[in-house]
Amino acid sequence: MKCRFVFFLILFSSLGYSQLPKDFVYLKSIVPDVELEMRYCSDNNFVGTPINGYNAEVVIMTKQAALSLKKVQAELKKQGLGLKIYDAYRPQSAVNHFIKWAKQINDTLMKQQFYPNVDKRNLFKDGYIASRSRHSSGSTIDLTIINLKTGKALDMGTPYDFFGESSWVENSDISKAQQANRQLLQGVMLNNGFRNYPKEWWHFTLRGEPFRNQYFDFPVE
């Protein structure tokens, strides 16, 4: 089940972003050729259902972060590559959905796909679920690299949102090709103003983000 794509919101975004808080934009208005696979707008995620607060398959983020991603996309396109976005701005209502799910110990529908080696009871202790998310500040993004000719994502060794040490950036228990793909992603993001999260190869936050430690709760729509 996927949430609807609201075309008129994209149209309005190009006319001044009046429906968004100041300094937030739709990424497509800055990087129109970026690929989207908004996992929390579907049931293909570690919860197994669409997540509260995600009402449309659009990417919202701060304008400052979007402009930096534009540079990343331009650099990758020279190599026949591009970005695919899994998540960006995340409303606090979505974080609250994760918290509620994490406390439901017997709900393990997606365990084999996303956290086969992690006891759900330890998700808070191990740092996979938290009461606040950098995403809610608007300048953090989850993404990967795709081959523009085939449309396929490069092999990063684990799926997106896989809970475990195999998703750590420096994990060596993956092939050399997978390590090289991770380093390509790390390099292009860090060189264009982002810092990584060492335990998630897909997770980056803009350096000098404009709303650090501010947590927004407007819906993604």
C-alpha atoms as a PDB file:
ATOM      1  CA  MET A   1       0.000   0.000   0.000  1.00  0.00           C
ATOM      2  CA  LYS A   2       1.442   3.349  -1.023  1.00  0.00           C
ATOM      3  CA  CYS A   3       0.297   6.817  -0.068  1.00  0.00           C
ATOM      4  CA  ARG A   4      -0.964   9.142  -2.760  1.00  0.00           C
ATOM      5  CA  PHE A   5       1.224  11.504  -4.732  1.00  0.00           C
ATOM      6  CA  VAL A   6      -0.231  14.999  -4.406  1.00  0.00           C
ATOM      7  CA  PHE A   7       0.640  16.826  -7.613  1.00  0.00           C
ATOM      8  CA  PHE A   8      -0.760  20.234  -6.712  1.00  0.00           C
ATOM      9  CA  LEU A   9       1.478  20.408  -3.658  1.00  0.00           C
ATOM     10  CA  ILE A  10       4.524  20.014  -5.863  1.00  0.00           C
ATOM     11  CA  LEU A  11       3.136  22.701  -8.160  1.00  0.00           C
ATOM     12  CA  PHE A  12       2.554  25.114  -5.294  1.00  0.00           C
ATOM     13  CA  SER A  13       6.013  24.427  -3.930  1.00  0.00           C
ATOM     14  CA  SER A  14       7.534  25.929  -7.066  1.00  0.00           C
ATOM     15  CA  LEU A  15       5.550  29.115  -6.468  1.00  0.00           C
ATOM     16  CA  GLY A  16       7.088  30.046  -3.152  1.00  0.00           C
ATOM     17  CA  TYR A  17       6.689  27.131  -0.733  1.00  0.00           C
ATOM     18  CA  SER A  18       3.905  29.023   1.079  1.00  0.00           C
ATOM     19  CA  GLN A  19       2.497  25.844   2.608  1.00  0.00           C
ATOM     20  CA  LEU A  20       5.838  24.955   4.255  1.00  0.00           C
ATOM     21  CA  PRO A  21       7.628  26.607   7.179  1.00  0.00           C
ATOM     22  CA  LYS A  22      10.129  29.264   6.203  1.00  0.00           C
ATOM     23  CA  ASP A  23      13.356  27.893   4.683  1.00  0.00           C
ATOM     24  CA  PHE A  24      11.823  24.462   3.926  1.00  0.00           C
ATOM     25  CA  VAL A  25      11.371  23.290   0.316  1.00  0.00           C
ATOM     26  CA  TYR A  26      10.331  20.298  -1.743  1.00  0.00           C
ATOM     27  CA  LEU A  27      13.536  18.674  -2.951  1.00  0.00           C
ATOM     28  CA  LYS A  28      12.113  18.135  -6.446  1.00  0.00           C
ATOM     29  CA  SER A  29      11.879  21.911  -6.868  1.00  0.00           C
ATOM     30  CA  ILE A  30      15.681  22.116  -6.443  1.00  0.00           C
ATOM     31  CA  VAL A  31      16.780  18.730  -7.835  1.00  0.00           C
ATOM     32  CA  PRO A  32      13.994  17.706 -10.252  1.00  0.00           C
ATOM     33  CA  ASP A  33      15.736  14.568 -11.537  1.00  0.00           C
ATOM     34  CA  VAL A  34      16.325  12.936  -8.145  1.00  0.00           C
ATOM     35  CA  GLU A  35      14.800   9.477  -7.661  1.00  0.00           C
ATOM     36  CA  LEU A  36      12.394   8.875  -4.747  1.00  0.00           C
ATOM     37  CA  GLU A  37      11.540   5.714  -2.831  1.00  0.00           C
ATOM     38  CA  MET A  38       9.872   7.037   0.301  1.00  0.00           C
ATOM     39  CA  ARG A  39       9.838   3.949   2.486  1.00  0.00           C
ATOM     40  CA  TYR A  40       7.751   5.370   5.338  1.00  0.00           C
ATOM     41  CA  CYS A  41       5.031   6.251   2.862  1.00  0.00           C
ATOM     42  CA  SER A  42       4.597   2.528   2.169  1.00  0.00           C
ATOM     43  CA  ASP A  43       4.597  -0.778   4.036  1.00  0.00           C
ATOM     44  CA  ASN A  44       8.167  -1.581   2.893  1.00  0.00           C
ATOM     45  CA  ASN A  45       9.828  -0.538   6.149  1.00  0.00           C
ATOM     46  CA  PHE A  46      10.781  -2.060   9.506  1.00  0.00           C
ATOM     47  CA  VAL A  47       7.308  -1.439  10.952  1.00  0.00           C
ATOM     48  CA  GLY A  48       5.486  -2.973   8.007  1.00  0.00           C
ATOM     49  CA  THR A  49       2.838  -0.246   7.578  1.00  0.00           C
ATOM     50  CA  PRO A  50       2.783   3.367   6.309  1.00  0.00           C
ATOM     51  CA  ILE A  51       3.994   5.676   9.063  1.00  0.00           C
ATOM     52  CA  ASN A  52       1.965   8.460  10.665  1.00  0.00           C
ATOM     53  CA  GLY A  53       2.688  11.886   9.221  1.00  0.00           C
ATOM     54  CA  TYR A  54       3.642  10.663   5.737  1.00  0.00           C
ATOM     55  CA  ASN A  55       0.673  11.630   3.574  1.00  0.00           C
ATOM     56  CA  ALA A  56       2.374  11.957   0.178  1.00  0.00           C
ATOM     57  CA  GLU A  57       5.429  10.585  -1.570  1.00  0.00           C
ATOM     58  CA  VAL A  58       7.397  13.827  -1.558  1.00  0.00           C
ATOM     59  CA  VAL A  59      10.720  14.886  -0.041  1.00  0.00           C
ATOM     60  CA  ILE A  60      10.764  17.947   2.196  1.00  0.00           C
ATOM     61  CA  MET A  61      13.925  19.424   3.691  1.00  0.00           C
ATOM     62  CA  THR A  62      15.622  22.717   4.419  1.00  0.00           C
ATOM     63  CA  LYS A  63      16.557  24.744   1.369  1.00  0.00           C
ATOM     64  CA  GLN A  64      20.178  24.818   2.533  1.00  0.00           C
ATOM     65  CA  ALA A  65      20.351  20.998   2.563  1.00  0.00           C
ATOM     66  CA  ALA A  66      18.562  20.757  -0.795  1.00  0.00           C
ATOM     67  CA  LEU A  67      21.069  23.080  -2.448  1.00  0.00           C
ATOM     68  CA  SER A  68      23.920  20.927  -1.144  1.00  0.00           C
ATOM     69  CA  LEU A  69      22.234  17.803  -2.527  1.00  0.00           C
ATOM     70  CA  LYS A  70      21.993  19.541  -5.893  1.00  0.00           C
ATOM     71  CA  LYS A  71      25.795  19.663  -5.933  1.00  0.00           C
ATOM     72  CA  VAL A  72      25.978  15.967  -5.016  1.00  0.00           C
ATOM     73  CA  GLN A  73      23.604  15.047  -7.830  1.00  0.00           C
ATOM     74  CA  ALA A  74      25.586  17.082 -10.367  1.00  0.00           C
ATOM     75  CA  GLU A  75      28.818  15.400  -9.342  1.00  0.00           C
ATOM     76  CA  LEU A  76      27.351  11.910  -9.567  1.00  0.00           C
ATOM     77  CA  LYS A  77      25.738  12.516 -12.956  1.00  0.00           C
ATOM     78  CA  LYS A  78      29.206  13.013 -14.463  1.00  0.00           C
ATOM     79  CA  GLN A  79      29.753   9.306 -13.633  1.00  0.00           C
ATOM     80  CA  GLY A  80      26.384   8.139 -14.931  1.00  0.00           C
ATOM     81  CA  LEU A  81      25.059   7.911 -11.382  1.00  0.00           C
ATOM     82  CA  GLY A  82      22.417   9.670  -9.306  1.00  0.00           C
ATOM     83  CA  LEU A  83      20.718   9.810  -5.928  1.00  0.00           C
ATOM     84  CA  LYS A  84      17.750   7.871  -4.623  1.00  0.00           C
ATOM     85  CA  ILE A  85      16.081   9.292  -1.512  1.00  0.00           C
ATOM     86  CA  TYR A  86      14.521   7.057   1.143  1.00  0.00           C
ATOM     87  CA  ASP A  87      13.705   9.675   3.785  1.00  0.00           C
ATOM     88  CA  ALA A  88      14.394  13.306   4.648  1.00  0.00           C
ATOM     89  CA  TYR A  89      12.314  15.553   6.904  1.00  0.00           C
ATOM     90  CA  ARG A  90      10.429  13.323   9.369  1.00  0.00           C
ATOM     91  CA  PRO A  91       7.596  14.738  11.497  1.00  0.00           C
ATOM     92  CA  GLN A  92       7.610  14.090  15.242  1.00  0.00           C
ATOM     93  CA  SER A  93       4.336  12.186  14.802  1.00  0.00           C
ATOM     94  CA  ALA A  94       6.271   9.608  12.758  1.00  0.00           C
ATOM     95  CA  VAL A  95       8.912   9.320  15.480  1.00  0.00           C
ATOM     96  CA  ASN A  96       6.106   8.774  17.993  1.00  0.00           C
ATOM     97  CA  HIS A  97       4.753   6.000  15.742  1.00  0.00           C
ATOM     98  CA  PHE A  98       8.167   4.295  15.869  1.00  0.00           C
ATOM     99  CA  ILE A  99       8.250   4.596  19.669  1.00  0.00           C
ATOM    100  CA  LYS A 100       4.787   3.064  20.042  1.00  0.00           C
ATOM    101  CA  TRP A 101       5.713   0.212  17.672  1.00  0.00           C
ATOM    102  CA  ALA A 102       8.990  -0.489  19.494  1.00  0.00           C
ATOM    103  CA  LYS A 103       7.084  -1.000  22.750  1.00  0.00           C
ATOM    104  CA  GLN A 104       4.849  -3.613  21.122  1.00  0.00           C
ATOM    105  CA  ILE A 105       7.318  -6.447  21.660  1.00  0.00           C
ATOM    106  CA  ASN A 106       5.248  -9.111  19.906  1.00  0.00           C
ATOM    107  CA  ASP A 107       4.888  -7.141  16.664  1.00  0.00           C
ATOM    108  CA  THR A 108       7.824  -8.561  14.712  1.00  0.00           C
ATOM    109  CA  LEU A 109       6.293  -8.719  11.240  1.00  0.00           C
ATOM    110  CA  MET A 110       9.394  -7.351   9.502  1.00  0.00           C
ATOM    111  CA  LYS A 111      12.066  -8.809  11.779  1.00  0.00           C
ATOM    112  CA  GLN A 112      13.658 -11.180   9.259  1.00  0.00           C
ATOM    113  CA  GLN A 113      14.008  -8.439   6.665  1.00  0.00           C
ATOM    114  CA  PHE A 114      15.210  -5.545   8.815  1.00  0.00           C
ATOM    115  CA  TYR A 115      16.474  -6.726  12.223  1.00  0.00           C
ATOM    116  CA  PRO A 116      17.032 -10.519  12.209  1.00  0.00           C
ATOM    117  CA  ASN A 117      19.883 -10.390  14.746  1.00  0.00           C
ATOM    118  CA  VAL A 118      18.488  -7.735  17.086  1.00  0.00           C
ATOM    119  CA  ASP A 119      16.116  -8.402  19.985  1.00  0.00           C
ATOM    120  CA  LYS A 120      13.258  -5.922  19.651  1.00  0.00           C
ATOM    121  CA  ARG A 121      13.458  -5.319  23.406  1.00  0.00           C
ATOM    122  CA  ASN A 122      16.874  -3.719  22.835  1.00  0.00           C
ATOM    123  CA  LEU A 123      15.952  -1.250  20.079  1.00  0.00           C
ATOM    124  CA  PHE A 124      16.032   1.738  22.444  1.00  0.00           C
ATOM    125  CA  LYS A 125      19.135   0.605  24.317  1.00  0.00           C
ATOM    126  CA  ASP A 126      21.037  -0.070  21.091  1.00  0.00           C
ATOM    127  CA  GLY A 127      20.084   3.314  19.629  1.00  0.00           C
ATOM    128  CA  TYR A 128      17.907   2.164  16.739  1.00  0.00           C
ATOM    129  CA  ILE A 129      14.822   3.942  18.100  1.00  0.00           C
ATOM    130  CA  ALA A 130      14.893   7.270  19.963  1.00  0.00           C
ATOM    131  CA  SER A 131      12.383   9.827  21.211  1.00  0.00           C
ATOM    132  CA  ARG A 132      13.906  12.526  18.982  1.00  0.00           C
ATOM    133  CA  SER A 133      15.284  12.275  15.443  1.00  0.00           C
ATOM    134  CA  ARG A 134      17.759  14.467  13.577  1.00  0.00           C
ATOM    135  CA  HIS A 135      15.381  14.051  10.624  1.00  0.00           C
ATOM    136  CA  SER A 136      12.773  16.198  12.370  1.00  0.00           C
ATOM    137  CA  SER A 137      15.122  19.194  12.134  1.00  0.00           C
ATOM    138  CA  GLY A 138      14.898  19.081   8.348  1.00  0.00           C
ATOM    139  CA  SER A 139      18.534  18.736   7.263  1.00  0.00           C
ATOM    140  CA  THR A 140      19.106  14.993   7.646  1.00  0.00           C
ATOM    141  CA  ILE A 141      18.589  12.606   4.762  1.00  0.00           C
ATOM    142  CA  ASP A 142      18.669   8.863   4.057  1.00  0.00           C
ATOM    143  CA  LEU A 143      19.770   7.939   0.546  1.00  0.00           C
ATOM    144  CA  THR A 144      21.755   5.751  -1.796  1.00  0.00           C
ATOM    145  CA  ILE A 145      23.298   5.897  -5.273  1.00  0.00           C
ATOM    146  CA  ILE A 146      21.694   4.487  -8.410  1.00  0.00           C
ATOM    147  CA  ASN A 147      23.003   3.686 -11.887  1.00  0.00           C
ATOM    148  CA  LEU A 148      21.142   6.108 -14.161  1.00  0.00           C
ATOM    149  CA  LYS A 149      21.225   3.727 -17.120  1.00  0.00           C
ATOM    150  CA  THR A 150      19.699   0.752 -15.296  1.00  0.00           C
ATOM    151  CA  GLY A 151      17.879   2.561 -12.489  1.00  0.00           C
ATOM    152  CA  LYS A 152      19.257   0.052 -10.020  1.00  0.00           C
ATOM    153  CA  ALA A 153      20.755   0.998  -6.661  1.00  0.00           C
ATOM    154  CA  LEU A 154      24.422   0.210  -6.106  1.00  0.00           C
ATOM    155  CA  ASP A 155      25.018  -2.745  -3.783  1.00  0.00           C
ATOM    156  CA  MET A 156      25.842  -1.332  -0.355  1.00  0.00           C
ATOM    157  CA  GLY A 157      26.029  -4.676   1.424  1.00  0.00           C
ATOM    158  CA  THR A 158      22.788  -4.346   3.394  1.00  0.00           C
ATOM    159  CA  PRO A 159      19.312  -3.005   2.660  1.00  0.00           C
ATOM    160  CA  TYR A 160      18.310   0.468   3.774  1.00  0.00           C
ATOM    161  CA  ASP A 161      17.259   0.589   7.450  1.00  0.00           C
ATOM    162  CA  PHE A 162      18.889  -2.744   8.282  1.00  0.00           C
ATOM    163  CA  PHE A 163      19.544  -2.796  12.046  1.00  0.00           C
ATOM    164  CA  GLY A 164      22.941  -4.303  12.811  1.00  0.00           C
ATOM    165  CA  GLU A 165      26.702  -3.905  12.631  1.00  0.00           C
ATOM    166  CA  SER A 166      26.724  -4.924   8.974  1.00  0.00           C
ATOM    167  CA  SER A 167      25.217  -1.492   8.203  1.00  0.00           C
ATOM    168  CA  TRP A 168      28.081   0.374   9.890  1.00  0.00           C
ATOM    169  CA  VAL A 169      30.038   2.436   7.372  1.00  0.00           C
ATOM    170  CA  GLU A 170      33.397   0.849   8.174  1.00  0.00           C
ATOM    171  CA  ASN A 171      32.139  -2.737   8.463  1.00  0.00           C
ATOM    172  CA  SER A 172      34.598  -5.038   6.687  1.00  0.00           C
ATOM    173  CA  ASP A 173      32.427  -8.160   6.514  1.00  0.00           C
ATOM    174  CA  ILE A 174      31.173  -7.208   3.058  1.00  0.00           C
ATOM    175  CA  SER A 175      32.737  -7.523  -0.372  1.00  0.00           C
ATOM    176  CA  LYS A 176      35.338  -5.100  -1.681  1.00  0.00           C
ATOM    177  CA  ALA A 177      32.848  -3.884  -4.285  1.00  0.00           C
ATOM    178  CA  GLN A 178      30.267  -3.168  -1.586  1.00  0.00           C
ATOM    179  CA  GLN A 179      32.887  -1.346   0.492  1.00  0.00           C
ATOM    180  CA  ALA A 180      33.850   0.717  -2.554  1.00  0.00           C
ATOM    181  CA  ASN A 181      30.208   1.667  -3.158  1.00  0.00           C
ATOM    182  CA  ARG A 182      29.863   2.807   0.447  1.00  0.00           C
ATOM    183  CA  GLN A 183      33.019   4.865   0.212  1.00  0.00           C
ATOM    184  CA  LEU A 184      31.786   6.469  -3.010  1.00  0.00           C
ATOM    185  CA  LEU A 185      28.599   7.563  -1.231  1.00  0.00           C
ATOM    186  CA  GLN A 186      30.502   8.731   1.836  1.00  0.00           C
ATOM    187  CA  GLY A 187      32.995  10.685  -0.238  1.00  0.00           C
ATOM    188  CA  VAL A 188      30.526  12.565  -2.406  1.00  0.00           C
ATOM    189  CA  MET A 189      28.316  13.474   0.560  1.00  0.00           C
ATOM    190  CA  LEU A 190      31.111  14.550   2.894  1.00  0.00           C
ATOM    191  CA  ASN A 191      32.739  16.592   0.128  1.00  0.00           C
ATOM    192  CA  ASN A 192      29.508  18.529  -0.371  1.00  0.00           C
ATOM    193  CA  GLY A 193      28.776  19.658   3.151  1.00  0.00           C
ATOM    194  CA  PHE A 194      27.300  16.631   4.929  1.00  0.00           C
ATOM    195  CA  ARG A 195      28.513  14.581   7.893  1.00  0.00           C
ATOM    196  CA  ASN A 196      27.743  10.896   8.220  1.00  0.00           C
ATOM    197  CA  TYR A 197      26.382   8.664  10.954  1.00  0.00           C
ATOM    198  CA  PRO A 198      28.964   5.856  11.295  1.00  0.00           C
ATOM    199  CA  LYS A 199      26.386   3.170  12.158  1.00  0.00           C
ATOM    200  CA  GLU A 200      24.147   3.762   9.100  1.00  0.00           C
ATOM    201  CA  TRP A 201      25.764   3.952   5.663  1.00  0.00           C
ATOM    202  CA  TRP A 202      22.697   5.793   4.268  1.00  0.00           C
ATOM    203  CA  HIS A 203      22.344   8.562   6.901  1.00  0.00           C
ATOM    204  CA  PHE A 204      23.757  12.096   6.529  1.00  0.00           C
ATOM    205  CA  THR A 205      23.196  15.479   8.194  1.00  0.00           C
ATOM    206  CA  LEU A 206      24.106  18.871   6.769  1.00  0.00           C
ATOM    207  CA  ARG A 207      26.983  20.559   8.567  1.00  0.00           C
ATOM    208  CA  GLY A 208      25.819  23.851  10.060  1.00  0.00           C
ATOM    209  CA  GLU A 209      22.161  22.826   9.744  1.00  0.00           C
ATOM    210  CA  PRO A 210      19.849  25.816  10.278  1.00  0.00           C
ATOM    211  CA  PHE A 211      17.428  24.200  12.759  1.00  0.00           C
ATOM    212  CA  ARG A 212      19.714  22.094  14.923  1.00  0.00           C
ATOM    213  CA  ASN A 213      17.880  20.697  17.973  1.00  0.00           C
ATOM    214  CA  GLN A 214      14.527  21.973  16.704  1.00  0.00           C
ATOM    215  CA  TYR A 215      11.967  19.240  16.059  1.00  0.00           C
ATOM    216  CA  PHE A 216       9.124  19.990  13.652  1.00  0.00           C
ATOM    217  CA  ASP A 217       5.819  18.143  13.398  1.00  0.00           C
ATOM    218  CA  PHE A 218       4.110  19.344  10.213  1.00  0.00           C
ATOM    219  CA  PRO A 219       3.043  16.445   7.939  1.00  0.00           C
ATOM    220  CA  VAL A 220       4.800  15.301   4.797  1.00  0.00           C
ATOM    221  CA  GLU A 221       2.274  16.254   2.130  1.00  0.00           C
END
